[in-house]
Amino acid sequence: MSENGFASRGEGVFAMSGQLTFQTVPQFQEHANALLQDGAQPVTIDMQGITLADSAGLALMIEWLQLARAVKRQLVFTNIPEQVRHLIRVSGLERVLLGEA
């Protein structure tokens, strides 16, 4: 099992790694405030390091989008793993999370 991580790369870019599941979402949730600090620049979450995800991880992504919208910040997820993309598709959230029509 890989270690879970959340790291700032600077200029509004954050990298997630490890598992994004029911058991680990609380660890990632602790970083929500860091996402929305520092003004109005867009926030990018790089998910390339995510090795496993479930519906709780998808729920966290939606929650972060809602938090960002509440403070009028743009939030984008990049390098979304195929497993997460599948969850997005079966949930009908392509437009919200992938920008697809």
N, C-alpha and C. Protein backbone atom coordinates (compact mmCIF):
# COMPACT_ATOMS: atom_id res chain seq x y z
N MET A 1 0.84 -1.18 0.00
CA MET A 1 0.00 0.00 0.00
C MET A 1 0.88 1.24 0.00
N SER A 2 0.61 2.16 -0.90
CA SER A 2 1.40 3.37 -0.97
C SER A 2 0.94 4.36 0.09
N GLU A 3 1.84 5.25 0.46
CA GLU A 3 1.53 6.25 1.47
C GLU A 3 0.67 7.35 0.84
N ASN A 4 -0.27 7.84 1.60
CA ASN A 4 -1.14 8.90 1.13
C ASN A 4 -0.45 10.23 1.33
N GLY A 5 -0.58 11.10 0.33
CA GLY A 5 0.06 12.38 0.45
C GLY A 5 -0.71 13.49 -0.24
N PHE A 6 -0.46 14.70 0.23
CA PHE A 6 -1.04 15.90 -0.34
C PHE A 6 0.03 16.97 -0.21
N ALA A 7 0.53 17.46 -1.33
CA ALA A 7 1.65 18.40 -1.27
C ALA A 7 1.42 19.58 -2.20
N SER A 8 1.81 20.74 -1.74
CA SER A 8 1.75 21.93 -2.57
C SER A 8 2.96 21.96 -3.48
N ARG A 9 2.71 22.26 -4.74
CA ARG A 9 3.80 22.44 -5.71
C ARG A 9 4.00 23.92 -6.00
N GLY A 10 3.25 24.76 -5.30
CA GLY A 10 3.34 26.20 -5.51
C GLY A 10 2.37 26.68 -6.57
N GLU A 11 2.09 27.97 -6.56
CA GLU A 11 1.24 28.64 -7.53
C GLU A 11 -0.12 27.96 -7.71
N GLY A 12 -0.69 27.49 -6.59
CA GLY A 12 -2.04 26.92 -6.63
C GLY A 12 -2.12 25.49 -7.12
N VAL A 13 -0.99 24.82 -7.26
CA VAL A 13 -0.98 23.43 -7.73
C VAL A 13 -0.69 22.52 -6.54
N PHE A 14 -1.52 21.47 -6.39
CA PHE A 14 -1.37 20.50 -5.32
C PHE A 14 -1.34 19.10 -5.93
N ALA A 15 -0.54 18.23 -5.34
CA ALA A 15 -0.46 16.85 -5.82
C ALA A 15 -1.00 15.91 -4.75
N MET A 16 -1.84 14.99 -5.19
CA MET A 16 -2.38 13.96 -4.31
C MET A 16 -1.73 12.63 -4.67
N SER A 17 -1.50 11.80 -3.65
CA SER A 17 -0.95 10.47 -3.93
C SER A 17 -1.51 9.47 -2.94
N GLY A 18 -1.46 8.20 -3.34
CA GLY A 18 -1.93 7.12 -2.48
C GLY A 18 -3.36 6.74 -2.79
N GLN A 19 -4.07 6.34 -1.77
CA GLN A 19 -5.44 5.87 -1.92
C GLN A 19 -6.43 6.94 -1.51
N LEU A 20 -7.48 7.06 -2.30
CA LEU A 20 -8.54 8.04 -2.05
C LEU A 20 -9.82 7.24 -1.83
N THR A 21 -9.98 6.74 -0.61
CA THR A 21 -11.07 5.82 -0.29
C THR A 21 -11.79 6.28 0.98
N PHE A 22 -12.84 5.55 1.31
CA PHE A 22 -13.61 5.85 2.52
C PHE A 22 -12.69 5.97 3.74
N GLN A 23 -11.68 5.12 3.82
CA GLN A 23 -10.78 5.13 4.97
C GLN A 23 -9.83 6.33 4.96
N THR A 24 -9.46 6.81 3.78
CA THR A 24 -8.43 7.86 3.70
C THR A 24 -8.97 9.26 3.45
N VAL A 25 -10.21 9.39 3.01
CA VAL A 25 -10.76 10.71 2.71
C VAL A 25 -10.61 11.68 3.88
N PRO A 26 -10.82 11.27 5.14
CA PRO A 26 -10.62 12.23 6.24
C PRO A 26 -9.21 12.82 6.26
N GLN A 27 -8.21 12.05 5.90
CA GLN A 27 -6.83 12.57 5.85
C GLN A 27 -6.71 13.66 4.80
N PHE A 28 -7.33 13.43 3.64
CA PHE A 28 -7.27 14.42 2.57
C PHE A 28 -8.14 15.63 2.88
N GLN A 29 -9.26 15.41 3.56
CA GLN A 29 -10.18 16.50 3.89
C GLN A 29 -9.51 17.56 4.74
N GLU A 30 -8.55 17.16 5.53
CA GLU A 30 -7.83 18.11 6.38
C GLU A 30 -7.14 19.21 5.57
N HIS A 31 -6.94 18.98 4.28
CA HIS A 31 -6.23 19.93 3.43
C HIS A 31 -7.14 20.90 2.70
N ALA A 32 -8.44 20.81 2.93
CA ALA A 32 -9.39 21.65 2.20
C ALA A 32 -9.09 23.13 2.36
N ASN A 33 -8.75 23.57 3.55
CA ASN A 33 -8.48 24.99 3.77
C ASN A 33 -7.26 25.46 2.98
N ALA A 34 -6.25 24.60 2.86
CA ALA A 34 -5.05 24.98 2.10
C ALA A 34 -5.38 25.25 0.64
N LEU A 35 -6.37 24.56 0.13
CA LEU A 35 -6.75 24.74 -1.27
C LEU A 35 -7.26 26.14 -1.56
N LEU A 36 -7.94 26.72 -0.60
CA LEU A 36 -8.67 27.94 -0.86
C LEU A 36 -8.02 29.18 -0.28
N GLN A 37 -6.83 29.06 0.24
CA GLN A 37 -6.10 30.21 0.73
C GLN A 37 -5.45 30.94 -0.43
N ASP A 38 -4.91 32.09 -0.15
CA ASP A 38 -4.07 32.81 -1.10
C ASP A 38 -4.80 33.36 -2.31
N GLY A 39 -5.79 34.16 -2.09
CA GLY A 39 -6.36 34.94 -3.16
C GLY A 39 -7.22 34.22 -4.17
N ALA A 40 -7.17 34.72 -5.40
CA ALA A 40 -8.12 34.29 -6.41
C ALA A 40 -7.53 33.42 -7.51
N GLN A 41 -6.27 33.04 -7.38
CA GLN A 41 -5.70 32.24 -8.47
C GLN A 41 -6.38 30.88 -8.56
N PRO A 42 -6.44 30.32 -9.76
CA PRO A 42 -7.04 28.99 -9.92
C PRO A 42 -6.27 27.95 -9.12
N VAL A 43 -6.97 26.90 -8.73
CA VAL A 43 -6.37 25.80 -7.98
C VAL A 43 -6.38 24.56 -8.88
N THR A 44 -5.26 23.87 -8.93
CA THR A 44 -5.15 22.64 -9.71
C THR A 44 -4.78 21.50 -8.77
N ILE A 45 -5.53 20.42 -8.86
CA ILE A 45 -5.25 19.21 -8.08
C ILE A 45 -4.76 18.15 -9.06
N ASP A 46 -3.49 17.78 -8.94
CA ASP A 46 -2.90 16.74 -9.78
C ASP A 46 -3.10 15.39 -9.10
N MET A 47 -3.87 14.52 -9.74
CA MET A 47 -4.23 13.23 -9.15
C MET A 47 -3.41 12.07 -9.71
N GLN A 48 -2.32 12.37 -10.38
CA GLN A 48 -1.52 11.33 -11.01
C GLN A 48 -1.06 10.26 -10.02
N GLY A 49 -0.82 10.64 -8.78
CA GLY A 49 -0.31 9.70 -7.79
C GLY A 49 -1.37 8.87 -7.09
N ILE A 50 -2.64 9.04 -7.45
CA ILE A 50 -3.70 8.26 -6.81
C ILE A 50 -3.70 6.84 -7.39
N THR A 51 -3.59 5.86 -6.50
CA THR A 51 -3.49 4.47 -6.93
C THR A 51 -4.79 3.68 -6.76
N LEU A 52 -5.69 4.18 -5.94
CA LEU A 52 -6.96 3.50 -5.69
C LEU A 52 -7.96 4.55 -5.25
N ALA A 53 -9.21 4.43 -5.72
CA ALA A 53 -10.24 5.39 -5.33
C ALA A 53 -11.58 4.69 -5.30
N ASP A 54 -12.49 5.23 -4.49
CA ASP A 54 -13.85 4.72 -4.45
C ASP A 54 -14.82 5.90 -4.43
N SER A 55 -16.08 5.62 -4.18
CA SER A 55 -17.09 6.68 -4.23
C SER A 55 -16.86 7.77 -3.19
N ALA A 56 -16.22 7.45 -2.08
CA ALA A 56 -15.92 8.48 -1.08
C ALA A 56 -14.91 9.48 -1.64
N GLY A 57 -13.98 8.99 -2.42
CA GLY A 57 -13.02 9.88 -3.07
C GLY A 57 -13.71 10.80 -4.06
N LEU A 58 -14.66 10.26 -4.80
CA LEU A 58 -15.44 11.05 -5.73
C LEU A 58 -16.24 12.12 -4.98
N ALA A 59 -16.82 11.75 -3.86
CA ALA A 59 -17.57 12.70 -3.04
C ALA A 59 -16.67 13.83 -2.54
N LEU A 60 -15.42 13.51 -2.20
CA LEU A 60 -14.48 14.53 -1.75
C LEU A 60 -14.19 15.51 -2.88
N MET A 61 -14.02 15.01 -4.09
CA MET A 61 -13.77 15.89 -5.23
C MET A 61 -14.93 16.86 -5.42
N ILE A 62 -16.14 16.36 -5.32
CA ILE A 62 -17.33 17.21 -5.47
C ILE A 62 -17.39 18.24 -4.35
N GLU A 63 -17.10 17.81 -3.13
CA GLU A 63 -17.11 18.74 -2.00
C GLU A 63 -16.10 19.86 -2.20
N TRP A 64 -14.90 19.52 -2.66
CA TRP A 64 -13.88 20.54 -2.90
C TRP A 64 -14.32 21.51 -3.99
N LEU A 65 -14.98 21.01 -5.02
CA LEU A 65 -15.51 21.90 -6.06
C LEU A 65 -16.53 22.87 -5.48
N GLN A 66 -17.41 22.36 -4.62
CA GLN A 66 -18.42 23.21 -4.00
C GLN A 66 -17.78 24.27 -3.11
N LEU A 67 -16.78 23.88 -2.34
CA LEU A 67 -16.08 24.85 -1.49
C LEU A 67 -15.41 25.94 -2.33
N ALA A 68 -14.79 25.53 -3.40
CA ALA A 68 -14.12 26.49 -4.28
C ALA A 68 -15.13 27.45 -4.91
N ARG A 69 -16.23 26.92 -5.37
CA ARG A 69 -17.25 27.78 -5.99
C ARG A 69 -17.83 28.76 -4.97
N ALA A 70 -17.95 28.32 -3.73
CA ALA A 70 -18.51 29.18 -2.69
C ALA A 70 -17.65 30.42 -2.46
N VAL A 71 -16.35 30.29 -2.69
CA VAL A 71 -15.44 31.44 -2.52
C VAL A 71 -14.97 31.98 -3.88
N LYS A 72 -15.67 31.56 -4.94
CA LYS A 72 -15.41 32.04 -6.29
C LYS A 72 -13.98 31.75 -6.77
N ARG A 73 -13.53 30.55 -6.49
CA ARG A 73 -12.21 30.08 -6.97
C ARG A 73 -12.43 28.99 -7.99
N GLN A 74 -11.63 29.00 -9.04
CA GLN A 74 -11.67 27.92 -10.02
C GLN A 74 -10.83 26.76 -9.51
N LEU A 75 -11.38 25.55 -9.57
CA LEU A 75 -10.67 24.36 -9.15
C LEU A 75 -10.73 23.34 -10.28
N VAL A 76 -9.58 22.81 -10.65
CA VAL A 76 -9.50 21.85 -11.75
C VAL A 76 -8.72 20.63 -11.27
N PHE A 77 -9.21 19.45 -11.65
CA PHE A 77 -8.51 18.20 -11.36
C PHE A 77 -7.80 17.77 -12.65
N THR A 78 -6.52 17.43 -12.53
CA THR A 78 -5.75 16.96 -13.69
C THR A 78 -5.23 15.56 -13.43
N ASN A 79 -4.84 14.90 -14.51
CA ASN A 79 -4.28 13.54 -14.43
C ASN A 79 -5.17 12.61 -13.61
N ILE A 80 -6.46 12.69 -13.87
CA ILE A 80 -7.42 11.86 -13.14
C ILE A 80 -7.24 10.41 -13.58
N PRO A 81 -6.97 9.50 -12.65
CA PRO A 81 -6.77 8.09 -13.01
C PRO A 81 -8.03 7.50 -13.66
N GLU A 82 -7.83 6.50 -14.52
CA GLU A 82 -8.95 5.90 -15.23
C GLU A 82 -10.01 5.35 -14.28
N GLN A 83 -9.59 4.78 -13.16
CA GLN A 83 -10.56 4.25 -12.19
C GLN A 83 -11.50 5.36 -11.70
N VAL A 84 -10.96 6.53 -11.46
CA VAL A 84 -11.76 7.66 -11.00
C VAL A 84 -12.63 8.17 -12.15
N ARG A 85 -12.08 8.20 -13.35
CA ARG A 85 -12.87 8.61 -14.52
C ARG A 85 -14.08 7.70 -14.70
N HIS A 86 -13.88 6.42 -14.47
CA HIS A 86 -14.99 5.46 -14.57
C HIS A 86 -16.08 5.80 -13.55
N LEU A 87 -15.69 6.07 -12.32
CA LEU A 87 -16.66 6.44 -11.28
C LEU A 87 -17.41 7.72 -11.69
N ILE A 88 -16.69 8.66 -12.26
CA ILE A 88 -17.30 9.92 -12.70
C ILE A 88 -18.34 9.63 -13.78
N ARG A 89 -17.98 8.78 -14.74
CA ARG A 89 -18.90 8.47 -15.84
C ARG A 89 -20.15 7.76 -15.35
N VAL A 90 -19.99 6.73 -14.52
CA VAL A 90 -21.16 5.98 -14.07
C VAL A 90 -22.04 6.81 -13.15
N SER A 91 -21.48 7.85 -12.57
CA SER A 91 -22.26 8.74 -11.70
C SER A 91 -22.89 9.89 -12.48
N GLY A 92 -22.57 9.99 -13.77
CA GLY A 92 -23.14 11.05 -14.59
C GLY A 92 -22.57 12.43 -14.28
N LEU A 93 -21.32 12.47 -13.83
CA LEU A 93 -20.72 13.74 -13.41
C LEU A 93 -19.64 14.25 -14.37
N GLU A 94 -19.70 13.80 -15.63
CA GLU A 94 -18.68 14.20 -16.59
C GLU A 94 -18.59 15.71 -16.76
N ARG A 95 -19.75 16.35 -16.86
CA ARG A 95 -19.77 17.80 -17.07
C ARG A 95 -19.18 18.53 -15.86
N VAL A 96 -19.49 18.07 -14.69
CA VAL A 96 -19.04 18.74 -13.47
C VAL A 96 -17.53 18.56 -13.24
N LEU A 97 -17.05 17.33 -13.39
CA LEU A 97 -15.66 17.04 -13.03
C LEU A 97 -14.69 16.93 -14.20
N LEU A 98 -15.20 16.64 -15.39
CA LEU A 98 -14.31 16.48 -16.53
C LEU A 98 -14.49 17.57 -17.58
N GLY A 99 -15.51 18.41 -17.40
CA GLY A 99 -15.77 19.46 -18.36
C GLY A 99 -16.32 18.95 -19.68
N GLU A 100 -16.85 17.73 -19.67
CA GLU A 100 -17.41 17.14 -20.89
C GLU A 100 -18.91 17.42 -20.96
N ALA A 101 -19.39 17.56 -22.17
CA ALA A 101 -20.83 17.80 -22.37
C ALA A 101 -21.62 16.52 -22.27
